[in-house]
N, C-alpha and C. Protein backbone atom coordinates (compact mmCIF):
# COMPACT_ATOMS: atom_id res chain seq x y z
N MET A 1 60.82 -103.09 22.45
CA MET A 1 61.38 -101.76 23.09
C MET A 1 60.31 -100.92 22.98
N SER A 2 59.84 -100.76 24.09
CA SER A 2 58.62 -99.82 23.94
C SER A 2 59.21 -98.23 24.09
N GLN A 3 58.57 -97.59 23.74
CA GLN A 3 58.82 -96.28 23.80
C GLN A 3 57.97 -95.33 24.64
N SER A 4 58.79 -94.62 25.37
CA SER A 4 58.02 -93.77 26.76
C SER A 4 57.72 -92.52 25.95
N PRO A 5 56.54 -91.90 26.26
CA PRO A 5 56.15 -90.67 25.80
C PRO A 5 56.83 -89.70 25.74
N PRO A 6 57.17 -88.87 24.64
CA PRO A 6 58.12 -87.59 24.55
C PRO A 6 57.87 -86.55 25.73
N ARG A 7 58.84 -86.30 26.62
CA ARG A 7 58.98 -85.27 27.54
C ARG A 7 58.75 -83.67 26.85
N PRO A 8 58.18 -83.15 27.41
CA PRO A 8 57.70 -81.62 26.98
C PRO A 8 58.95 -80.95 27.26
N GLN A 9 59.72 -80.11 26.32
CA GLN A 9 60.62 -79.26 26.34
C GLN A 9 60.31 -77.79 26.93
N HIS A 10 59.12 -77.53 27.85
CA HIS A 10 58.89 -76.08 27.96
C HIS A 10 58.35 -76.08 29.24
N GLU A 11 58.06 -75.13 29.50
CA GLU A 11 57.20 -74.81 30.99
C GLU A 11 55.57 -75.35 30.88
N VAL A 12 55.65 -76.05 31.51
CA VAL A 12 54.22 -76.60 31.38
C VAL A 12 53.05 -75.98 32.27
N SER A 13 53.50 -74.89 33.32
CA SER A 13 52.59 -74.48 34.20
C SER A 13 52.93 -73.04 34.00
N ASP A 14 51.60 -72.10 33.90
CA ASP A 14 52.00 -70.71 33.91
C ASP A 14 52.29 -70.19 35.45
N VAL A 15 52.87 -68.90 35.22
CA VAL A 15 53.10 -68.25 36.44
C VAL A 15 51.90 -67.99 37.62
N SER A 16 52.29 -68.58 38.74
CA SER A 16 51.24 -68.56 39.74
C SER A 16 51.06 -67.23 40.12
N GLY A 17 49.64 -66.38 40.10
CA GLY A 17 49.20 -65.25 40.34
C GLY A 17 49.21 -65.12 41.86
N ARG A 18 49.23 -66.30 42.33
CA ARG A 18 49.03 -66.26 44.20
C ARG A 18 50.11 -65.73 44.65
N ARG A 19 51.42 -66.40 44.08
CA ARG A 19 52.91 -65.99 44.35
C ARG A 19 53.24 -64.65 44.18
N ILE A 20 53.12 -64.20 42.88
CA ILE A 20 53.11 -62.74 42.67
C ILE A 20 52.63 -61.81 43.93
N VAL A 21 51.29 -62.10 44.20
CA VAL A 21 50.61 -61.13 45.27
C VAL A 21 51.07 -61.25 46.68
N PHE A 22 51.36 -62.77 47.06
CA PHE A 22 51.95 -62.74 48.30
C PHE A 22 53.27 -62.15 48.33
N THR A 23 54.40 -61.99 47.43
CA THR A 23 55.50 -61.71 47.20
C THR A 23 55.48 -60.30 47.23
N GLY A 24 54.22 -59.54 46.66
CA GLY A 24 54.30 -58.33 46.95
C GLY A 24 53.69 -57.50 48.02
N VAL A 25 53.03 -58.46 48.76
CA VAL A 25 52.30 -58.20 49.92
C VAL A 25 53.55 -57.94 51.15
N GLY A 26 54.19 -59.32 50.75
CA GLY A 26 55.50 -59.40 51.75
C GLY A 26 56.33 -58.44 51.80
N LEU A 27 56.78 -57.74 50.54
CA LEU A 27 58.06 -56.85 50.42
C LEU A 27 57.16 -55.54 50.98
N ALA A 28 56.01 -55.23 50.89
CA ALA A 28 55.30 -54.18 51.56
C ALA A 28 55.27 -54.25 53.12
N ALA A 29 55.19 -55.54 53.52
CA ALA A 29 55.16 -55.73 55.00
C ALA A 29 56.52 -55.27 55.69
N VAL A 30 57.53 -55.62 55.05
CA VAL A 30 59.14 -55.77 55.26
C VAL A 30 59.44 -54.17 55.24
N LEU A 31 58.84 -53.70 54.33
CA LEU A 31 59.12 -52.01 53.98
C LEU A 31 58.52 -51.10 55.47
N ILE A 32 57.02 -51.65 55.50
CA ILE A 32 56.65 -50.90 56.57
C ILE A 32 57.37 -51.29 58.17
N ILE A 33 57.57 -52.37 58.35
CA ILE A 33 58.53 -52.85 59.57
C ILE A 33 59.95 -52.35 59.65
N VAL A 34 60.57 -52.07 58.45
CA VAL A 34 61.69 -51.53 58.58
C VAL A 34 61.49 -49.84 58.56
N ALA A 35 60.63 -49.44 58.31
CA ALA A 35 60.41 -47.88 58.28
C ALA A 35 59.80 -47.49 59.91
N LEU A 36 59.43 -48.75 60.60
CA LEU A 36 58.76 -48.17 61.67
C LEU A 36 59.84 -48.42 62.83
N ILE A 37 60.96 -49.32 62.59
CA ILE A 37 62.09 -49.67 63.57
C ILE A 37 62.91 -48.43 63.47
N ALA A 38 63.06 -47.81 61.80
CA ALA A 38 63.89 -46.69 61.93
C ALA A 38 63.34 -45.53 62.76
N PHE A 39 62.24 -45.22 62.56
CA PHE A 39 61.47 -44.41 63.47
C PHE A 39 61.48 -44.19 64.94
N ALA A 40 61.47 -45.69 65.27
CA ALA A 40 61.57 -45.61 66.85
C ALA A 40 62.93 -45.72 67.26
N THR A 41 64.03 -46.09 66.26
CA THR A 41 65.40 -45.84 66.66
C THR A 41 65.70 -44.48 66.74
N LEU A 42 65.44 -43.55 65.74
CA LEU A 42 65.65 -42.00 65.70
C LEU A 42 64.76 -41.51 67.27
N LYS A 43 63.74 -41.84 67.45
CA LYS A 43 62.93 -41.23 68.61
C LYS A 43 64.03 -41.41 69.95
N VAL A 44 64.49 -43.06 70.08
CA VAL A 44 65.26 -43.44 71.13
C VAL A 44 66.65 -42.60 71.29
N LEU A 45 67.19 -42.18 70.07
CA LEU A 45 68.35 -41.74 70.04
C LEU A 45 68.56 -40.16 70.06
N HIS A 46 67.34 -39.59 69.35
CA HIS A 46 67.25 -38.18 69.71
C HIS A 46 65.81 -37.92 70.24
N PRO A 47 65.63 -38.02 71.47
CA PRO A 47 64.39 -37.80 72.16
C PRO A 47 64.06 -36.28 71.94
N GLU A 48 65.17 -35.33 72.10
CA GLU A 48 64.93 -34.04 72.18
C GLU A 48 64.53 -33.34 71.09
N ARG A 49 64.37 -33.93 69.94
CA ARG A 49 63.93 -33.39 68.52
C ARG A 49 62.37 -33.68 68.35
N THR A 50 61.70 -32.94 68.55
CA THR A 50 60.13 -32.72 68.33
C THR A 50 59.78 -32.07 67.32
N THR A 51 58.40 -32.41 66.86
CA THR A 51 58.09 -31.66 65.47
C THR A 51 56.83 -30.94 66.01
N ALA A 52 57.05 -29.80 66.75
CA ALA A 52 56.18 -28.86 67.09
C ALA A 52 55.78 -27.92 66.33
N PRO A 53 54.45 -27.67 65.87
CA PRO A 53 54.34 -26.48 65.00
C PRO A 53 55.01 -25.14 65.44
N ALA A 54 55.35 -24.39 64.23
CA ALA A 54 56.14 -23.00 64.63
C ALA A 54 55.27 -21.99 65.25
N SER A 55 53.73 -22.22 65.32
CA SER A 55 53.10 -21.26 66.44
C SER A 55 53.21 -21.40 67.68
N ALA A 56 53.46 -22.88 68.34
CA ALA A 56 53.87 -23.40 69.62
C ALA A 56 54.83 -22.90 70.29
N VAL A 57 55.78 -22.39 69.66
CA VAL A 57 57.22 -22.12 70.11
C VAL A 57 56.94 -20.47 70.54
N SER A 58 57.52 -20.40 71.64
CA SER A 58 56.91 -18.98 72.36
C SER A 58 57.96 -17.97 71.99
N ALA A 59 57.68 -17.01 71.86
CA ALA A 59 58.36 -15.70 71.16
C ALA A 59 59.52 -15.47 72.27
N SER A 60 59.44 -15.79 73.40
CA SER A 60 60.38 -15.46 74.37
C SER A 60 61.61 -16.40 74.45
N GLU A 61 61.55 -17.34 73.88
CA GLU A 61 62.66 -18.35 73.74
C GLU A 61 63.74 -17.69 72.86
N PRO A 62 64.95 -17.76 73.36
CA PRO A 62 65.94 -17.35 72.40
C PRO A 62 66.24 -18.36 71.07
N ASN A 63 66.40 -17.90 70.34
CA ASN A 63 66.77 -18.31 69.04
C ASN A 63 68.03 -18.71 68.70
N ASP A 64 68.47 -19.97 68.82
CA ASP A 64 69.92 -20.74 68.71
C ASP A 64 70.72 -20.62 67.35
N ALA A 65 69.69 -20.52 66.35
CA ALA A 65 70.13 -20.52 64.95
C ALA A 65 70.79 -19.42 64.74
N PRO A 66 71.70 -19.40 63.73
CA PRO A 66 72.59 -18.22 63.35
C PRO A 66 71.75 -17.27 62.82
N ARG A 67 72.22 -15.87 62.85
CA ARG A 67 71.68 -15.12 62.10
C ARG A 67 71.98 -14.87 60.76
N LEU A 68 70.88 -14.52 59.68
CA LEU A 68 71.81 -14.33 58.52
C LEU A 68 71.94 -12.69 58.51
N GLN A 69 72.75 -12.43 57.11
CA GLN A 69 73.12 -11.17 57.16
C GLN A 69 71.81 -10.45 56.16
N SER A 70 71.53 -9.27 56.85
CA SER A 70 70.39 -8.49 56.33
C SER A 70 70.93 -7.72 55.15
N ALA A 71 72.16 -7.52 54.93
CA ALA A 71 72.82 -6.79 53.49
C ALA A 71 74.27 -7.21 53.43
N PRO A 72 74.37 -8.44 52.82
CA PRO A 72 75.58 -9.10 52.62
C PRO A 72 76.65 -8.29 51.41
N ASP A 73 75.92 -7.79 50.88
CA ASP A 73 76.77 -6.97 49.60
C ASP A 73 77.83 -5.86 50.56
N LEU A 74 76.79 -5.14 51.53
CA LEU A 74 77.26 -3.99 52.20
C LEU A 74 78.33 -4.32 53.26
N ASP A 75 77.98 -5.64 53.64
CA ASP A 75 78.85 -6.08 54.86
C ASP A 75 80.35 -6.64 54.00
N LEU A 76 80.25 -7.08 52.90
CA LEU A 76 81.63 -7.63 52.09
C LEU A 76 82.24 -6.12 51.60
N THR A 77 81.78 -5.24 51.54
CA THR A 77 82.11 -3.97 50.80
C THR A 77 83.05 -3.33 52.30
N VAL A 78 82.12 -3.33 53.37
CA VAL A 78 83.08 -2.98 54.78
C VAL A 78 84.52 -3.86 54.98
N LEU A 79 84.20 -4.96 54.98
CA LEU A 79 85.26 -6.04 54.94
C LEU A 79 86.37 -5.77 54.06
N ARG A 80 85.99 -5.44 52.68
CA ARG A 80 87.17 -5.17 51.99
C ARG A 80 87.82 -4.02 52.12
N ARG A 81 87.06 -2.75 52.61
CA ARG A 81 87.51 -1.80 53.08
C ARG A 81 88.76 -1.93 54.17
N LYS A 82 88.24 -2.74 55.14
CA LYS A 82 89.27 -2.80 56.28
C LYS A 82 90.43 -3.57 55.94
N LYS A 83 90.52 -4.66 55.07
CA LYS A 83 91.33 -5.31 54.46
C LYS A 83 92.32 -4.43 53.58
N TYR A 84 91.62 -3.53 52.89
CA TYR A 84 92.57 -2.68 51.90
C TYR A 84 93.24 -1.68 53.03
N GLY A 85 92.65 -1.00 53.96
CA GLY A 85 93.28 -0.09 54.70
C GLY A 85 94.56 -1.14 55.64
N LEU A 86 94.30 -2.46 56.10
CA LEU A 86 95.32 -2.88 56.75
C LEU A 86 96.65 -3.32 55.73
N LEU A 87 96.26 -3.18 54.34
CA LEU A 87 97.53 -3.42 53.36
C LEU A 87 98.11 -2.28 52.94
N HIS A 88 97.16 -1.15 53.09
CA HIS A 88 97.64 0.25 52.03
C HIS A 88 97.91 1.25 52.62
N GLU A 89 97.39 1.52 54.29
CA GLU A 89 97.41 2.62 54.64
C GLU A 89 98.31 2.72 55.81
N TYR A 90 98.95 3.85 56.34
CA TYR A 90 99.91 3.86 57.79
C TYR A 90 98.76 4.05 58.78
N ALA A 91 99.07 3.58 59.95
CA ALA A 91 98.45 3.45 61.22
C ALA A 91 99.37 3.11 62.33
N TRP A 92 98.92 3.89 63.62
CA TRP A 92 99.79 3.53 64.64
C TRP A 92 99.16 2.01 65.20
N ILE A 93 100.08 1.41 65.65
CA ILE A 93 99.77 0.14 66.06
C ILE A 93 99.66 0.41 67.75
N ASP A 94 101.05 0.87 68.21
CA ASP A 94 101.57 1.23 69.56
C ASP A 94 102.17 2.30 69.72
N ARG A 95 101.54 3.45 70.14
CA ARG A 95 102.18 4.96 69.84
C ARG A 95 103.27 4.86 71.03
N ARG A 96 103.11 4.25 72.17
CA ARG A 96 104.08 4.34 73.41
C ARG A 96 105.29 3.69 72.92
N ASN A 97 105.34 2.59 72.19
CA ASN A 97 106.63 1.98 71.89
C ASN A 97 106.92 2.08 70.56
N GLY A 98 106.07 3.27 69.85
CA GLY A 98 106.73 3.49 68.36
C GLY A 98 106.22 2.39 67.44
N LEU A 99 105.42 1.71 67.44
CA LEU A 99 104.94 0.69 66.63
C LEU A 99 104.16 0.96 65.81
N ILE A 100 104.51 1.07 64.30
CA ILE A 100 103.69 1.67 63.29
C ILE A 100 103.28 0.47 62.13
N ARG A 101 102.12 0.65 61.66
CA ARG A 101 102.04 -0.17 60.58
C ARG A 101 101.92 0.45 59.28
N ILE A 102 103.02 0.05 58.38
CA ILE A 102 102.86 0.76 56.83
C ILE A 102 102.70 0.15 56.02
N PRO A 103 102.20 0.41 54.90
CA PRO A 103 101.71 0.07 53.46
C PRO A 103 102.64 -1.36 53.25
N ILE A 104 102.22 -2.47 52.60
CA ILE A 104 102.82 -3.33 51.93
C ILE A 104 104.01 -3.23 50.63
N GLU A 105 103.59 -2.30 50.06
CA GLU A 105 104.40 -1.73 49.20
C GLU A 105 105.67 -1.13 49.64
N ARG A 106 105.30 -0.31 50.72
CA ARG A 106 106.46 0.27 51.45
C ARG A 106 107.61 -0.57 52.04
N ALA A 107 106.79 -1.54 52.93
CA ALA A 107 107.59 -2.82 53.46
C ALA A 107 108.51 -3.35 52.59
N MET A 108 107.95 -3.44 51.55
CA MET A 108 108.66 -4.33 50.54
C MET A 108 109.97 -3.81 49.80
N GLN A 109 109.78 -2.52 49.63
CA GLN A 109 110.91 -1.63 49.06
C GLN A 109 111.75 -1.64 50.24
N LEU A 110 111.50 -1.33 51.66
CA LEU A 110 112.44 -1.42 52.63
C LEU A 110 113.35 -2.66 52.66
N ILE A 111 112.61 -3.64 52.62
CA ILE A 111 113.30 -5.26 52.49
C ILE A 111 114.14 -5.42 51.43
N VAL A 112 113.91 -5.11 50.41
CA VAL A 112 114.74 -5.08 49.21
C VAL A 112 116.04 -4.42 49.56
N GLU A 113 116.02 -2.78 50.10
CA GLU A 113 116.79 -1.71 50.16
C GLU A 113 117.99 -2.68 51.46
N ARG A 114 116.98 -3.04 52.21
CA ARG A 114 117.88 -3.67 53.22
C ARG A 114 118.73 -4.63 53.06
N ASN A 115 118.30 -5.67 51.87
CA ASN A 115 119.08 -6.62 51.53
C ASN A 115 120.08 -6.08 50.60
N ALA A 116 119.76 -5.14 49.81
CA ALA A 116 120.97 -4.51 48.86
C ALA A 116 122.05 -4.33 49.35
N SER A 117 121.83 -3.62 50.59
CA SER A 117 123.04 -2.76 51.58
C SER A 117 123.62 -3.86 52.26
N THR A 118 122.86 -5.07 52.71
CA THR A 118 123.80 -5.97 53.35
C THR A 118 124.66 -6.87 52.43
N LYS A 119 124.24 -7.12 51.18
CA LYS A 119 125.04 -7.79 49.89
C LYS A 119 126.31 -7.08 49.56
N GLN A 120 126.02 -5.62 49.77
CA GLN A 120 127.35 -4.76 49.24
C GLN A 120 128.39 -4.91 50.80
N SER A 121 128.17 -4.90 51.77
CA SER A 121 128.83 -4.77 53.07
C SER A 121 129.71 -5.80 53.15
N VAL A 122 128.93 -7.21 52.82
CA VAL A 122 129.60 -8.47 53.09
C VAL A 122 130.65 -9.03 51.95
N PRO A 123 131.39 -8.98 52.28
CA PRO A 123 132.72 -9.38 51.49
C PRO A 123 132.39 -10.80 50.69
N ALA A 124 132.74 -10.84 49.36
CA ALA A 124 132.62 -12.31 48.81
C ALA A 124 133.31 -13.28 49.34
N ARG A 125 132.95 -14.63 49.20
CA ARG A 125 133.65 -15.56 49.62
C ARG A 125 134.48 -16.16 48.64
N GLN A 126 135.63 -16.72 49.07
CA GLN A 126 136.69 -16.97 48.22
C GLN A 126 136.63 -18.57 47.88
N GLU A 127 136.51 -19.05 46.72
CA GLU A 127 136.29 -20.59 46.45
C GLU A 127 137.84 -21.00 46.36
N ARG A 128 137.78 -22.24 46.71
CA ARG A 128 139.23 -23.00 46.74
C ARG A 128 139.47 -23.64 45.63
């Protein structure tokens, strides 16, 4: 019986440098193609969006962007004063019809007084 030569138990060839380079070039090409397709799709779907420099925009065109507050802390103070006035001050709403706004504390007192007087005037139910 003749013995065959022993088979190697490890990798006999090195990693091919050419394959690594081709893989890297291929990946770069795919990335560039995908970026170009995305850019073209964006231009087709949103043609009105242009990247004009800020100096090219005419000063006569209206600005559609929302205006920023110049003094937000002052605006907040004014808003809080208005809200406080709505909750804590008397004011006419409709003089002709006699409609008045009253402070919330007073309104709660009136509701409690009305509920207390209606509970006293209603006779208690008799249970069977």
